[in-house]
Amino acid sequence: MSQGLKAVAGVIDAKVHYGDKRADVKYRPAIVGPDKLVEAVNETGFEATLLDESDTQGGGS
């Protein structure tokens, strides 16, 4: 799944934590938005949803 995310234009880095069912993605918002990232994950056969900002730690992207 991380390779699928990294293949998206605008993604700088993606780390997938399968045990936590979570991915941390650094991206350029001027190039790609969260909806496209969710779509990219879903295309790999996994199901993705966006976390509310209050659910993220450290203000991650």
PDB file of N, CA and C in Angstrom:
ATOM      1  N   MET A   1       0.823  -1.188   0.000  1.00  0.00           N
ATOM      2  CA  MET A   1       0.000   0.000   0.000  1.00  0.00           C
ATOM      3  C   MET A   1       0.866   1.250   0.000  1.00  0.00           C
ATOM      4  N   SER A   2       1.992   1.242   0.704  1.00  0.00           N
ATOM      5  CA  SER A   2       2.824   2.447   0.738  1.00  0.00           C
ATOM      6  C   SER A   2       3.328   2.797  -0.655  1.00  0.00           C
ATOM      7  N   GLN A   3       3.644   1.789  -1.478  1.00  0.00           N
ATOM      8  CA  GLN A   3       4.102   2.065  -2.839  1.00  0.00           C
ATOM      9  C   GLN A   3       2.993   2.694  -3.668  1.00  0.00           C
ATOM     10  N   GLY A   4       1.756   2.262  -3.444  1.00  0.00           N
ATOM     11  CA  GLY A   4       0.619   2.858  -4.141  1.00  0.00           C
ATOM     12  C   GLY A   4       0.455   4.321  -3.787  1.00  0.00           C
ATOM     13  N   LEU A   5       0.646   4.644  -2.517  1.00  0.00           N
ATOM     14  CA  LEU A   5       0.560   6.040  -2.090  1.00  0.00           C
ATOM     15  C   LEU A   5       1.718   6.858  -2.638  1.00  0.00           C
ATOM     16  N   LYS A   6       2.918   6.290  -2.580  1.00  0.00           N
ATOM     17  CA  LYS A   6       4.099   7.018  -3.051  1.00  0.00           C
ATOM     18  C   LYS A   6       4.047   7.277  -4.546  1.00  0.00           C
ATOM     19  N   ALA A   7       3.268   6.493  -5.287  1.00  0.00           N
ATOM     20  CA  ALA A   7       3.151   6.676  -6.728  1.00  0.00           C
ATOM     21  C   ALA A   7       2.249   7.852  -7.096  1.00  0.00           C
ATOM     22  N   VAL A   8       1.512   8.372  -6.129  1.00  0.00           N
ATOM     23  CA  VAL A   8       0.603   9.490  -6.385  1.00  0.00           C
ATOM     24  C   VAL A   8       1.406  10.783  -6.471  1.00  0.00           C
ATOM     25  N   ALA A   9       1.175  11.539  -7.531  1.00  0.00           N
ATOM     26  CA  ALA A   9       1.862  12.823  -7.693  1.00  0.00           C
ATOM     27  C   ALA A   9       1.561  13.717  -6.502  1.00  0.00           C
ATOM     28  N   GLY A  10       2.601  14.289  -5.913  1.00  0.00           N
ATOM     29  CA  GLY A  10       2.436  15.177  -4.767  1.00  0.00           C
ATOM     30  C   GLY A  10       2.725  14.514  -3.436  1.00  0.00           C
ATOM     31  N   VAL A  11       2.831  13.186  -3.414  1.00  0.00           N
ATOM     32  CA  VAL A  11       3.142  12.487  -2.159  1.00  0.00           C
ATOM     33  C   VAL A  11       4.652  12.511  -1.960  1.00  0.00           C
ATOM     34  N   ILE A  12       5.069  12.990  -0.806  1.00  0.00           N
ATOM     35  CA  ILE A  12       6.482  13.079  -0.464  1.00  0.00           C
ATOM     36  C   ILE A  12       6.941  11.788   0.199  1.00  0.00           C
ATOM     37  N   ASP A  13       6.137  11.272   1.125  1.00  0.00           N
ATOM     38  CA  ASP A  13       6.482  10.047   1.844  1.00  0.00           C
ATOM     39  C   ASP A  13       5.209   9.420   2.385  1.00  0.00           C
ATOM     40  N   ALA A  14       5.222   8.103   2.521  1.00  0.00           N
ATOM     41  CA  ALA A  14       4.082   7.381   3.087  1.00  0.00           C
ATOM     42  C   ALA A  14       4.606   6.213   3.906  1.00  0.00           C
ATOM     43  N   LYS A  15       4.145   6.124   5.131  1.00  0.00           N
ATOM     44  CA  LYS A  15       4.499   5.012   6.019  1.00  0.00           C
ATOM     45  C   LYS A  15       3.203   4.360   6.472  1.00  0.00           C
ATOM     46  N   VAL A  16       3.105   3.061   6.243  1.00  0.00           N
ATOM     47  CA  VAL A  16       1.895   2.319   6.580  1.00  0.00           C
ATOM     48  C   VAL A  16       2.159   1.505   7.841  1.00  0.00           C
ATOM     49  N   HIS A  17       1.226   1.588   8.775  1.00  0.00           N
ATOM     50  CA  HIS A  17       1.299   0.849  10.031  1.00  0.00           C
ATOM     51  C   HIS A  17       0.126  -0.133  10.035  1.00  0.00           C
ATOM     52  N   TYR A  18       0.375  -1.322   9.502  1.00  0.00           N
ATOM     53  CA  TYR A  18      -0.701  -2.291   9.325  1.00  0.00           C
ATOM     54  C   TYR A  18      -1.339  -2.701  10.649  1.00  0.00           C
ATOM     55  N   GLY A  19      -0.531  -2.859  11.688  1.00  0.00           N
ATOM     56  CA  GLY A  19      -1.059  -3.257  12.994  1.00  0.00           C
ATOM     57  C   GLY A  19      -2.033  -2.241  13.565  1.00  0.00           C
ATOM     58  N   ASP A  20      -1.774  -0.961  13.297  1.00  0.00           N
ATOM     59  CA  ASP A  20      -2.641   0.117  13.778  1.00  0.00           C
ATOM     60  C   ASP A  20      -3.714   0.499  12.764  1.00  0.00           C
ATOM     61  N   LYS A  21      -3.646  -0.140  11.577  1.00  0.00           N
ATOM     62  CA  LYS A  21      -4.566   0.195  10.483  1.00  0.00           C
ATOM     63  C   LYS A  21      -4.526   1.692  10.188  1.00  0.00           C
ATOM     64  N   ARG A  22      -3.288   2.179   9.996  1.00  0.00           N
ATOM     65  CA  ARG A  22      -3.078   3.613   9.841  1.00  0.00           C
ATOM     66  C   ARG A  22      -1.926   3.868   8.870  1.00  0.00           C
ATOM     67  N   ALA A  23      -2.019   4.969   8.164  1.00  0.00           N
ATOM     68  CA  ALA A  23      -0.921   5.401   7.297  1.00  0.00           C
ATOM     69  C   ALA A  23      -0.632   6.864   7.586  1.00  0.00           C
ATOM     70  N   ASP A  24       0.634   7.188   7.661  1.00  0.00           N
ATOM     71  CA  ASP A  24       1.069   8.578   7.811  1.00  0.00           C
ATOM     72  C   ASP A  24       1.607   9.013   6.455  1.00  0.00           C
ATOM     73  N   VAL A  25       1.021  10.057   5.906  1.00  0.00           N
ATOM     74  CA  VAL A  25       1.377  10.492   4.561  1.00  0.00           C
ATOM     75  C   VAL A  25       1.771  11.958   4.588  1.00  0.00           C
ATOM     76  N   LYS A  26       2.943  12.245   4.037  1.00  0.00           N
ATOM     77  CA  LYS A  26       3.374  13.628   3.843  1.00  0.00           C
ATOM     78  C   LYS A  26       3.148  13.936   2.371  1.00  0.00           C
ATOM     79  N   TYR A  27       2.444  15.044   2.112  1.00  0.00           N
ATOM     80  CA  TYR A  27       2.108  15.368   0.729  1.00  0.00           C
ATOM     81  C   TYR A  27       2.053  16.874   0.537  1.00  0.00           C
ATOM     82  N   ARG A  28       2.059  17.263  -0.725  1.00  0.00           N
ATOM     83  CA  ARG A  28       1.963  18.677  -1.090  1.00  0.00           C
ATOM     84  C   ARG A  28       0.507  18.990  -1.421  1.00  0.00           C
ATOM     85  N   PRO A  29      -0.182  19.707  -0.534  1.00  0.00           N
ATOM     86  CA  PRO A  29      -1.605  19.979  -0.736  1.00  0.00           C
ATOM     87  C   PRO A  29      -1.918  20.751  -2.016  1.00  0.00           C
ATOM     88  N   ALA A  30      -0.953  21.475  -2.556  1.00  0.00           N
ATOM     89  CA  ALA A  30      -1.197  22.195  -3.807  1.00  0.00           C
ATOM     90  C   ALA A  30      -1.276  21.233  -4.997  1.00  0.00           C
ATOM     91  N   ILE A  31      -0.783  20.003  -4.794  1.00  0.00           N
ATOM     92  CA  ILE A  31      -0.740  19.024  -5.887  1.00  0.00           C
ATOM     93  C   ILE A  31      -1.784  17.928  -5.711  1.00  0.00           C
ATOM     94  N   VAL A  32      -1.960  17.454  -4.489  1.00  0.00           N
ATOM     95  CA  VAL A  32      -2.875  16.332  -4.233  1.00  0.00           C
ATOM     96  C   VAL A  32      -3.642  16.596  -2.942  1.00  0.00           C
ATOM     97  N   GLY A  33      -4.873  16.136  -2.907  1.00  0.00           N
ATOM     98  CA  GLY A  33      -5.701  16.310  -1.718  1.00  0.00           C
ATOM     99  C   GLY A  33      -5.998  14.994  -1.034  1.00  0.00           C
ATOM    100  N   PRO A  34      -6.535  15.059   0.155  1.00  0.00           N
ATOM    101  CA  PRO A  34      -6.836  13.852   0.925  1.00  0.00           C
ATOM    102  C   PRO A  34      -7.761  12.875   0.191  1.00  0.00           C
ATOM    103  N   ASP A  35      -8.718  13.376  -0.570  1.00  0.00           N
ATOM    104  CA  ASP A  35      -9.630  12.483  -1.282  1.00  0.00           C
ATOM    105  C   ASP A  35      -8.894  11.601  -2.282  1.00  0.00           C
ATOM    106  N   LYS A  36      -7.909  12.150  -2.959  1.00  0.00           N
ATOM    107  CA  LYS A  36      -7.113  11.380  -3.918  1.00  0.00           C
ATOM    108  C   LYS A  36      -6.271  10.330  -3.198  1.00  0.00           C
ATOM    109  N   LEU A  37      -5.788  10.650  -1.999  1.00  0.00           N
ATOM    110  CA  LEU A  37      -5.010   9.686  -1.225  1.00  0.00           C
ATOM    111  C   LEU A  37      -5.891   8.516  -0.790  1.00  0.00           C
ATOM    112  N   VAL A  38      -7.102   8.814  -0.364  1.00  0.00           N
ATOM    113  CA  VAL A  38      -8.055   7.755   0.009  1.00  0.00           C
ATOM    114  C   VAL A  38      -8.339   6.881  -1.204  1.00  0.00           C
ATOM    115  N   GLU A  39      -8.543   7.504  -2.346  1.00  0.00           N
ATOM    116  CA  GLU A  39      -8.806   6.758  -3.580  1.00  0.00           C
ATOM    117  C   GLU A  39      -7.636   5.832  -3.920  1.00  0.00           C
ATOM    118  N   ALA A  40      -6.408   6.324  -3.765  1.00  0.00           N
ATOM    119  CA  ALA A  40      -5.218   5.526  -4.063  1.00  0.00           C
ATOM    120  C   ALA A  40      -5.139   4.304  -3.154  1.00  0.00           C
ATOM    121  N   VAL A  41      -5.454   4.476  -1.884  1.00  0.00           N
ATOM    122  CA  VAL A  41      -5.447   3.337  -0.945  1.00  0.00           C
ATOM    123  C   VAL A  41      -6.531   2.348  -1.333  1.00  0.00           C
ATOM    124  N   ASN A  42      -7.721   2.838  -1.606  1.00  0.00           N
ATOM    125  CA  ASN A  42      -8.828   1.959  -1.968  1.00  0.00           C
ATOM    126  C   ASN A  42      -8.520   1.158  -3.230  1.00  0.00           C
ATOM    127  N   GLU A  43      -7.768   1.742  -4.148  1.00  0.00           N
ATOM    128  CA  GLU A  43      -7.396   1.039  -5.376  1.00  0.00           C
ATOM    129  C   GLU A  43      -6.425  -0.111  -5.116  1.00  0.00           C
ATOM    130  N   THR A  44      -5.748  -0.111  -3.966  1.00  0.00           N
ATOM    131  CA  THR A  44      -4.837  -1.213  -3.629  1.00  0.00           C
ATOM    132  C   THR A  44      -5.576  -2.375  -2.981  1.00  0.00           C
ATOM    133  N   GLY A  45      -6.879  -2.219  -2.748  1.00  0.00           N
ATOM    134  CA  GLY A  45      -7.659  -3.295  -2.142  1.00  0.00           C
ATOM    135  C   GLY A  45      -7.907  -3.104  -0.658  1.00  0.00           C
ATOM    136  N   PHE A  46      -7.359  -2.054  -0.088  1.00  0.00           N
ATOM    137  CA  PHE A  46      -7.614  -1.719   1.306  1.00  0.00           C
ATOM    138  C   PHE A  46      -8.727  -0.688   1.367  1.00  0.00           C
ATOM    139  N   GLU A  47      -9.306  -0.511   2.532  1.00  0.00           N
ATOM    140  CA  GLU A  47     -10.339   0.502   2.713  1.00  0.00           C
ATOM    141  C   GLU A  47      -9.771   1.636   3.548  1.00  0.00           C
ATOM    142  N   ALA A  48      -9.913   2.856   3.049  1.00  0.00           N
ATOM    143  CA  ALA A  48      -9.359   4.010   3.746  1.00  0.00           C
ATOM    144  C   ALA A  48     -10.453   5.016   4.079  1.00  0.00           C
ATOM    145  N   THR A  49     -10.264   5.692   5.194  1.00  0.00           N
ATOM    146  CA  THR A  49     -11.091   6.825   5.587  1.00  0.00           C
ATOM    147  C   THR A  49     -10.159   7.878   6.162  1.00  0.00           C
ATOM    148  N   LEU A  50     -10.595   9.108   6.145  1.00  0.00           N
ATOM    149  CA  LEU A  50      -9.791  10.190   6.714  1.00  0.00           C
ATOM    150  C   LEU A  50     -10.056  10.299   8.202  1.00  0.00           C
ATOM    151  N   LEU A  51      -9.002  10.553   8.956  1.00  0.00           N
ATOM    152  CA  LEU A  51      -9.143  10.828  10.375  1.00  0.00           C
ATOM    153  C   LEU A  51      -9.450  12.298  10.559  1.00  0.00           C
ATOM    154  N   ASP A  52     -10.210  12.595  11.564  1.00  0.00           N
ATOM    155  CA  ASP A  52     -10.424  13.981  11.970  1.00  0.00           C
ATOM    156  C   ASP A  52      -9.092  14.497  12.496  1.00  0.00           C
ATOM    157  N   GLU A  53      -8.781  15.777  12.294  1.00  0.00           N
ATOM    158  CA  GLU A  53      -7.502  16.312  12.765  1.00  0.00           C
ATOM    159  C   GLU A  53      -7.304  16.086  14.252  1.00  0.00           C
ATOM    160  N   SER A  54      -8.380  16.054  15.034  1.00  0.00           N
ATOM    161  CA  SER A  54      -8.237  15.817  16.471  1.00  0.00           C
ATOM    162  C   SER A  54      -7.785  14.386  16.758  1.00  0.00           C
ATOM    163  N   ASP A  55      -7.898  13.479  15.757  1.00  0.00           N
ATOM    164  CA  ASP A  55      -7.469  12.096  15.937  1.00  0.00           C
ATOM    165  C   ASP A  55      -5.987  11.906  15.627  1.00  0.00           C
ATOM    166  N   THR A  56      -5.357  12.898  14.994  1.00  0.00           N
ATOM    167  CA  THR A  56      -3.954  12.759  14.629  1.00  0.00           C
ATOM    168  C   THR A  56      -3.076  13.313  15.747  1.00  0.00           C
ATOM    169  N   GLN A  57      -1.896  12.772  15.830  1.00  0.00           N
ATOM    170  CA  GLN A  57      -0.941  13.237  16.844  1.00  0.00           C
ATOM    171  C   GLN A  57       0.164  13.996  16.141  1.00  0.00           C
ATOM    172  N   GLY A  58       0.567  15.097  16.690  1.00  0.00           N
ATOM    173  CA  GLY A  58       1.677  15.853  16.154  1.00  0.00           C
ATOM    174  C   GLY A  58       1.337  16.644  14.913  1.00  0.00           C
ATOM    175  N   GLY A  59       0.055  16.804  14.618  1.00  0.00           N
ATOM    176  CA  GLY A  59      -0.348  17.602  13.463  1.00  0.00           C
ATOM    177  C   GLY A  59       0.100  17.036  12.146  1.00  0.00           C
ATOM    178  N   GLY A  60       0.142  15.709  12.014  1.00  0.00           N
ATOM    179  CA  GLY A  60       0.579  15.076  10.773  1.00  0.00           C
ATOM    180  C   GLY A  60      -0.320  15.403   9.615  1.00  0.00           C
ATOM    181  N   SER A  61       0.180  15.160   8.421  1.00  0.00           N
ATOM    182  CA  SER A  61      -0.577  15.452   7.206  1.00  0.00           C
ATOM    183  C   SER A  61      -1.370  14.253   6.793  1.00  0.00           C
TER     184      SER A  61
END
